[in-house]
N, C-alpha and C. Protein backbone atom coordinates (compact mmCIF):
# COMPACT_ATOMS: atom_id res chain seq x y z
N UNK A 1 -64.77 39.38 32.22
CA UNK A 1 -64.05 40.63 32.05
C UNK A 1 -64.67 41.70 32.94
N UNK A 2 -63.87 42.37 33.72
CA UNK A 2 -64.35 43.40 34.63
C UNK A 2 -64.48 44.73 33.88
N UNK A 3 -65.65 45.32 34.00
CA UNK A 3 -65.91 46.59 33.34
C UNK A 3 -65.38 47.73 34.21
N UNK A 4 -64.76 48.72 33.60
CA UNK A 4 -64.28 49.89 34.32
C UNK A 4 -65.47 50.78 34.65
N UNK A 5 -65.71 50.99 35.94
CA UNK A 5 -66.87 51.79 36.36
C UNK A 5 -66.49 53.22 36.74
N UNK A 6 -65.22 53.59 36.56
CA UNK A 6 -64.80 54.96 36.87
C UNK A 6 -65.60 55.97 36.05
N UNK A 7 -65.96 55.60 34.82
CA UNK A 7 -66.71 56.50 33.95
C UNK A 7 -68.14 56.75 34.39
N UNK A 8 -68.61 56.03 35.41
CA UNK A 8 -69.96 56.21 35.89
C UNK A 8 -70.08 57.35 36.91
N UNK A 9 -68.96 57.74 37.47
CA UNK A 9 -69.00 58.76 38.53
C UNK A 9 -69.51 60.09 37.99
N UNK A 10 -70.39 60.71 38.76
CA UNK A 10 -70.93 62.01 38.40
C UNK A 10 -71.93 61.98 37.25
N UNK A 11 -72.46 60.79 36.94
CA UNK A 11 -73.41 60.65 35.85
C UNK A 11 -74.72 60.05 36.35
N UNK A 12 -75.78 60.37 35.65
CA UNK A 12 -77.09 59.79 35.92
C UNK A 12 -77.09 58.37 35.34
N UNK A 13 -77.53 57.40 36.15
CA UNK A 13 -77.44 56.00 35.75
C UNK A 13 -78.78 55.30 35.95
N UNK A 14 -79.18 54.52 34.95
CA UNK A 14 -80.33 53.65 35.08
C UNK A 14 -79.77 52.26 35.37
N UNK A 15 -79.88 51.80 36.60
CA UNK A 15 -79.28 50.52 37.00
C UNK A 15 -79.82 49.34 36.20
N UNK A 16 -81.10 49.36 35.85
CA UNK A 16 -81.68 48.26 35.09
C UNK A 16 -81.04 48.13 33.70
N UNK A 17 -80.57 49.23 33.16
CA UNK A 17 -79.95 49.19 31.83
C UNK A 17 -78.45 48.90 31.90
N UNK A 18 -77.89 48.99 33.09
CA UNK A 18 -76.44 48.81 33.24
C UNK A 18 -76.03 47.34 33.21
N UNK A 19 -76.97 46.44 33.49
CA UNK A 19 -76.67 45.01 33.50
C UNK A 19 -77.78 44.26 32.76
N UNK A 20 -77.37 43.26 32.00
CA UNK A 20 -78.33 42.46 31.26
C UNK A 20 -78.44 41.05 31.81
N UNK A 21 -79.31 40.28 31.22
CA UNK A 21 -79.49 38.87 31.60
C UNK A 21 -78.71 37.98 30.64
N UNK A 22 -78.27 36.84 31.14
CA UNK A 22 -77.68 35.80 30.30
C UNK A 22 -78.41 34.50 30.61
N UNK A 23 -78.76 33.78 29.57
CA UNK A 23 -79.53 32.54 29.72
C UNK A 23 -78.82 31.58 30.67
N UNK A 24 -79.58 31.05 31.63
CA UNK A 24 -79.10 30.06 32.60
C UNK A 24 -77.89 30.54 33.41
N UNK A 25 -77.84 31.84 33.70
CA UNK A 25 -76.66 32.39 34.39
C UNK A 25 -77.02 33.43 35.43
N UNK A 26 -76.03 33.67 36.29
CA UNK A 26 -76.04 34.80 37.22
C UNK A 26 -74.92 35.71 36.75
N UNK A 27 -75.24 36.98 36.56
CA UNK A 27 -74.26 37.96 36.09
C UNK A 27 -74.06 38.99 37.20
N UNK A 28 -72.81 39.40 37.41
CA UNK A 28 -72.55 40.45 38.40
C UNK A 28 -71.69 41.55 37.80
N UNK A 29 -71.90 42.76 38.29
CA UNK A 29 -71.15 43.93 37.85
C UNK A 29 -70.85 44.79 39.07
N UNK A 30 -69.60 44.81 39.50
CA UNK A 30 -69.22 45.63 40.65
C UNK A 30 -69.23 47.10 40.24
N UNK A 31 -69.90 47.91 41.05
CA UNK A 31 -70.03 49.34 40.76
C UNK A 31 -69.03 50.15 41.59
N UNK A 32 -68.94 49.80 42.87
CA UNK A 32 -68.00 50.47 43.78
C UNK A 32 -67.32 49.39 44.62
N UNK A 33 -66.02 49.52 44.76
CA UNK A 33 -65.26 48.61 45.63
C UNK A 33 -64.31 49.44 46.47
N UNK A 34 -64.62 49.55 47.73
CA UNK A 34 -63.79 50.30 48.68
C UNK A 34 -63.51 49.42 49.89
N UNK A 35 -62.56 49.80 50.69
CA UNK A 35 -62.24 49.02 51.88
C UNK A 35 -63.41 49.02 52.87
N UNK A 36 -64.28 50.01 52.78
CA UNK A 36 -65.42 50.12 53.69
C UNK A 36 -66.68 49.43 53.18
N UNK A 37 -66.67 49.01 51.92
CA UNK A 37 -67.83 48.31 51.39
C UNK A 37 -67.85 48.25 49.88
N UNK A 38 -68.83 47.51 49.36
CA UNK A 38 -68.98 47.36 47.92
C UNK A 38 -70.44 47.53 47.51
N UNK A 39 -70.62 47.89 46.26
CA UNK A 39 -71.94 47.97 45.65
C UNK A 39 -71.84 47.16 44.36
N UNK A 40 -72.69 46.15 44.24
CA UNK A 40 -72.63 45.25 43.09
C UNK A 40 -74.02 45.01 42.52
N UNK A 41 -74.13 45.06 41.20
CA UNK A 41 -75.36 44.72 40.50
C UNK A 41 -75.34 43.24 40.15
N UNK A 42 -76.49 42.59 40.24
CA UNK A 42 -76.62 41.19 39.84
C UNK A 42 -77.84 41.05 38.96
N UNK A 43 -77.78 40.11 38.01
CA UNK A 43 -78.97 39.67 37.29
C UNK A 43 -79.00 38.15 37.35
N UNK A 44 -80.17 37.61 37.59
CA UNK A 44 -80.39 36.17 37.71
C UNK A 44 -81.41 35.73 36.68
N UNK A 45 -81.07 34.78 35.84
CA UNK A 45 -82.06 34.21 34.95
C UNK A 45 -83.01 33.35 35.78
N UNK A 46 -84.22 33.14 35.30
CA UNK A 46 -85.22 32.35 36.02
C UNK A 46 -84.63 31.00 36.43
N UNK A 47 -84.84 30.65 37.71
CA UNK A 47 -84.36 29.37 38.23
C UNK A 47 -82.94 29.39 38.75
N UNK A 48 -82.19 30.43 38.44
CA UNK A 48 -80.81 30.53 38.90
C UNK A 48 -80.75 31.08 40.32
N UNK A 49 -79.64 30.87 41.01
CA UNK A 49 -79.52 31.37 42.37
C UNK A 49 -78.13 31.24 42.93
N UNK A 50 -78.03 31.55 44.19
CA UNK A 50 -76.79 31.40 44.95
C UNK A 50 -77.12 30.48 46.12
N UNK A 51 -76.33 29.43 46.28
CA UNK A 51 -76.58 28.47 47.36
C UNK A 51 -76.32 29.13 48.72
N UNK A 52 -76.76 28.46 49.76
CA UNK A 52 -76.65 29.02 51.11
C UNK A 52 -75.20 29.32 51.45
N UNK A 53 -75.00 30.51 52.00
CA UNK A 53 -73.67 30.96 52.40
C UNK A 53 -73.83 32.05 53.46
N UNK A 54 -72.72 32.49 54.00
CA UNK A 54 -72.73 33.60 54.95
C UNK A 54 -71.77 34.67 54.45
N UNK A 55 -71.93 35.86 54.97
CA UNK A 55 -71.02 36.97 54.66
C UNK A 55 -70.56 37.58 55.97
N UNK A 56 -69.31 37.99 56.04
CA UNK A 56 -68.79 38.56 57.28
C UNK A 56 -69.20 40.01 57.52
N UNK A 57 -70.06 40.54 56.63
CA UNK A 57 -70.48 41.95 56.74
C UNK A 57 -71.99 42.06 56.59
N UNK A 58 -72.57 43.13 57.12
CA UNK A 58 -73.98 43.43 56.89
C UNK A 58 -74.17 43.69 55.39
N UNK A 59 -75.34 43.31 54.88
CA UNK A 59 -75.62 43.51 53.46
C UNK A 59 -77.07 43.91 53.26
N UNK A 60 -77.28 44.72 52.23
CA UNK A 60 -78.62 45.12 51.82
C UNK A 60 -78.83 44.59 50.41
N UNK A 61 -79.94 43.88 50.21
CA UNK A 61 -80.34 43.41 48.88
C UNK A 61 -81.55 44.25 48.49
N UNK A 62 -81.44 44.95 47.35
CA UNK A 62 -82.55 45.76 46.84
C UNK A 62 -82.94 45.22 45.47
N UNK A 63 -84.19 44.80 45.32
CA UNK A 63 -84.67 44.22 44.07
C UNK A 63 -85.05 45.35 43.10
N UNK A 64 -84.42 45.33 41.93
CA UNK A 64 -84.68 46.35 40.92
C UNK A 64 -85.82 45.97 39.99
N UNK A 65 -85.89 44.69 39.62
CA UNK A 65 -86.99 44.19 38.78
C UNK A 65 -87.09 42.69 38.96
N UNK A 66 -88.27 42.14 38.70
CA UNK A 66 -88.48 40.71 38.80
C UNK A 66 -88.85 40.26 40.20
N UNK A 67 -88.70 38.94 40.43
CA UNK A 67 -89.09 38.35 41.71
C UNK A 67 -88.01 37.39 42.20
N UNK A 68 -87.67 37.54 43.49
CA UNK A 68 -86.65 36.71 44.11
C UNK A 68 -87.19 36.02 45.35
N UNK A 69 -86.67 34.84 45.61
CA UNK A 69 -86.95 34.12 46.85
C UNK A 69 -85.63 34.10 47.62
N UNK A 70 -85.66 34.70 48.79
CA UNK A 70 -84.45 34.77 49.61
C UNK A 70 -84.73 34.07 50.94
N UNK A 71 -83.86 33.14 51.26
CA UNK A 71 -83.97 32.44 52.54
C UNK A 71 -82.90 33.03 53.45
N UNK A 72 -83.34 33.54 54.59
CA UNK A 72 -82.44 34.19 55.55
C UNK A 72 -82.67 33.57 56.92
N UNK A 73 -81.65 32.91 57.45
CA UNK A 73 -81.74 32.26 58.76
C UNK A 73 -82.96 31.35 58.86
N UNK A 74 -83.25 30.61 57.78
CA UNK A 74 -84.36 29.66 57.78
C UNK A 74 -85.72 30.24 57.42
N UNK A 75 -85.83 31.56 57.33
CA UNK A 75 -87.10 32.20 56.99
C UNK A 75 -87.08 32.60 55.51
N UNK A 76 -88.18 32.32 54.81
CA UNK A 76 -88.26 32.60 53.38
C UNK A 76 -88.95 33.95 53.14
N UNK A 77 -88.33 34.75 52.28
CA UNK A 77 -88.87 36.05 51.89
C UNK A 77 -89.07 36.05 50.38
N UNK A 78 -90.22 36.52 49.92
CA UNK A 78 -90.47 36.69 48.49
C UNK A 78 -90.45 38.19 48.22
N UNK A 79 -89.43 38.64 47.50
CA UNK A 79 -89.26 40.07 47.23
C UNK A 79 -89.52 40.38 45.77
N UNK A 80 -90.09 41.56 45.55
CA UNK A 80 -90.34 42.05 44.19
C UNK A 80 -89.72 43.43 44.04
N UNK A 81 -89.77 43.95 42.84
CA UNK A 81 -89.16 45.25 42.52
C UNK A 81 -89.56 46.32 43.54
N UNK A 82 -88.55 47.03 44.01
CA UNK A 82 -88.78 48.11 44.97
C UNK A 82 -88.65 47.68 46.42
N UNK A 83 -88.47 46.38 46.67
CA UNK A 83 -88.34 45.89 48.04
C UNK A 83 -86.89 45.55 48.35
N UNK A 84 -86.57 45.59 49.64
CA UNK A 84 -85.21 45.28 50.07
C UNK A 84 -85.22 44.44 51.32
N UNK A 85 -84.09 43.81 51.58
CA UNK A 85 -83.91 42.98 52.77
C UNK A 85 -82.53 43.28 53.33
N UNK A 86 -82.46 43.52 54.63
CA UNK A 86 -81.17 43.74 55.29
C UNK A 86 -80.75 42.41 55.91
N UNK A 87 -79.56 41.96 55.54
CA UNK A 87 -79.05 40.69 56.04
C UNK A 87 -77.89 40.95 56.99
N UNK A 88 -78.05 40.60 58.26
CA UNK A 88 -76.98 40.83 59.23
C UNK A 88 -75.76 39.95 58.93
N UNK A 89 -74.61 40.45 59.27
CA UNK A 89 -73.37 39.69 59.04
C UNK A 89 -73.46 38.33 59.72
N UNK A 90 -72.88 37.34 59.07
CA UNK A 90 -72.85 36.00 59.63
C UNK A 90 -74.14 35.21 59.50
N UNK A 91 -75.17 35.81 58.89
CA UNK A 91 -76.46 35.10 58.77
C UNK A 91 -76.46 34.24 57.50
N UNK A 92 -76.89 32.99 57.65
CA UNK A 92 -76.98 32.08 56.51
C UNK A 92 -78.10 32.54 55.58
N UNK A 93 -77.80 32.61 54.28
CA UNK A 93 -78.81 33.04 53.32
C UNK A 93 -78.56 32.40 51.95
N UNK A 94 -79.63 32.31 51.17
CA UNK A 94 -79.55 31.84 49.80
C UNK A 94 -80.53 32.65 48.97
N UNK A 95 -80.31 32.68 47.65
CA UNK A 95 -81.16 33.45 46.75
C UNK A 95 -81.53 32.60 45.55
N UNK A 96 -82.78 32.77 45.07
CA UNK A 96 -83.23 32.03 43.89
C UNK A 96 -84.18 32.91 43.09
N UNK A 97 -84.07 32.82 41.78
CA UNK A 97 -84.93 33.61 40.89
C UNK A 97 -86.24 32.88 40.64
N UNK A 98 -87.33 33.41 41.23
CA UNK A 98 -88.67 32.89 40.96
C UNK A 98 -89.00 33.19 39.49
N UNK A 99 -88.63 34.39 39.07
CA UNK A 99 -88.59 34.79 37.67
C UNK A 99 -87.30 35.59 37.54
N UNK A 100 -86.86 35.85 36.34
CA UNK A 100 -85.59 36.57 36.24
C UNK A 100 -85.69 37.89 37.00
N UNK A 101 -84.59 38.24 37.65
CA UNK A 101 -84.60 39.48 38.42
C UNK A 101 -83.22 40.12 38.47
N UNK A 102 -83.24 41.41 38.81
CA UNK A 102 -82.01 42.17 39.00
C UNK A 102 -82.03 42.73 40.41
N UNK A 103 -80.84 42.77 41.01
CA UNK A 103 -80.75 43.30 42.37
C UNK A 103 -79.48 44.10 42.53
N UNK A 104 -79.51 44.98 43.50
CA UNK A 104 -78.34 45.75 43.92
C UNK A 104 -77.96 45.23 45.28
N UNK A 105 -76.69 44.84 45.43
CA UNK A 105 -76.18 44.35 46.71
C UNK A 105 -75.21 45.38 47.27
N UNK A 106 -75.51 45.84 48.48
CA UNK A 106 -74.65 46.81 49.17
C UNK A 106 -74.08 46.12 50.39
N UNK A 107 -72.76 45.97 50.41
CA UNK A 107 -72.06 45.34 51.55
C UNK A 107 -71.38 46.44 52.35
N UNK A 108 -71.64 46.45 53.65
CA UNK A 108 -71.06 47.45 54.54
C UNK A 108 -70.01 46.77 55.41
N UNK A 109 -68.76 47.15 55.23
CA UNK A 109 -67.67 46.49 55.95
C UNK A 109 -67.25 47.18 57.24
N UNK A 110 -67.71 48.37 57.45
CA UNK A 110 -67.31 49.07 58.69
C UNK A 110 -68.48 49.81 59.29
């Protein structure tokens, strides 16, 4: 079920409280969806991930809490809370939860 995020506009938001964890799952919550880009929150339970894929747009992954292992173009990055990685469009990448973590994904389409 998609949550209506219109009510978030003009309000102070704690991103870590906006999304929770689900056992053995990856959860996503779209915050903004525009033709020029999207902002989406994700939570990953420990051991969960996204298999290797590409995106047609530049993307920024910002880790809010926990630890993630991100493979980008064959290079492995271990990110923790407060760190980010910029992934160029068309670059092969995968994500895995070393421990449960939350991230903000910003996709720039133009």
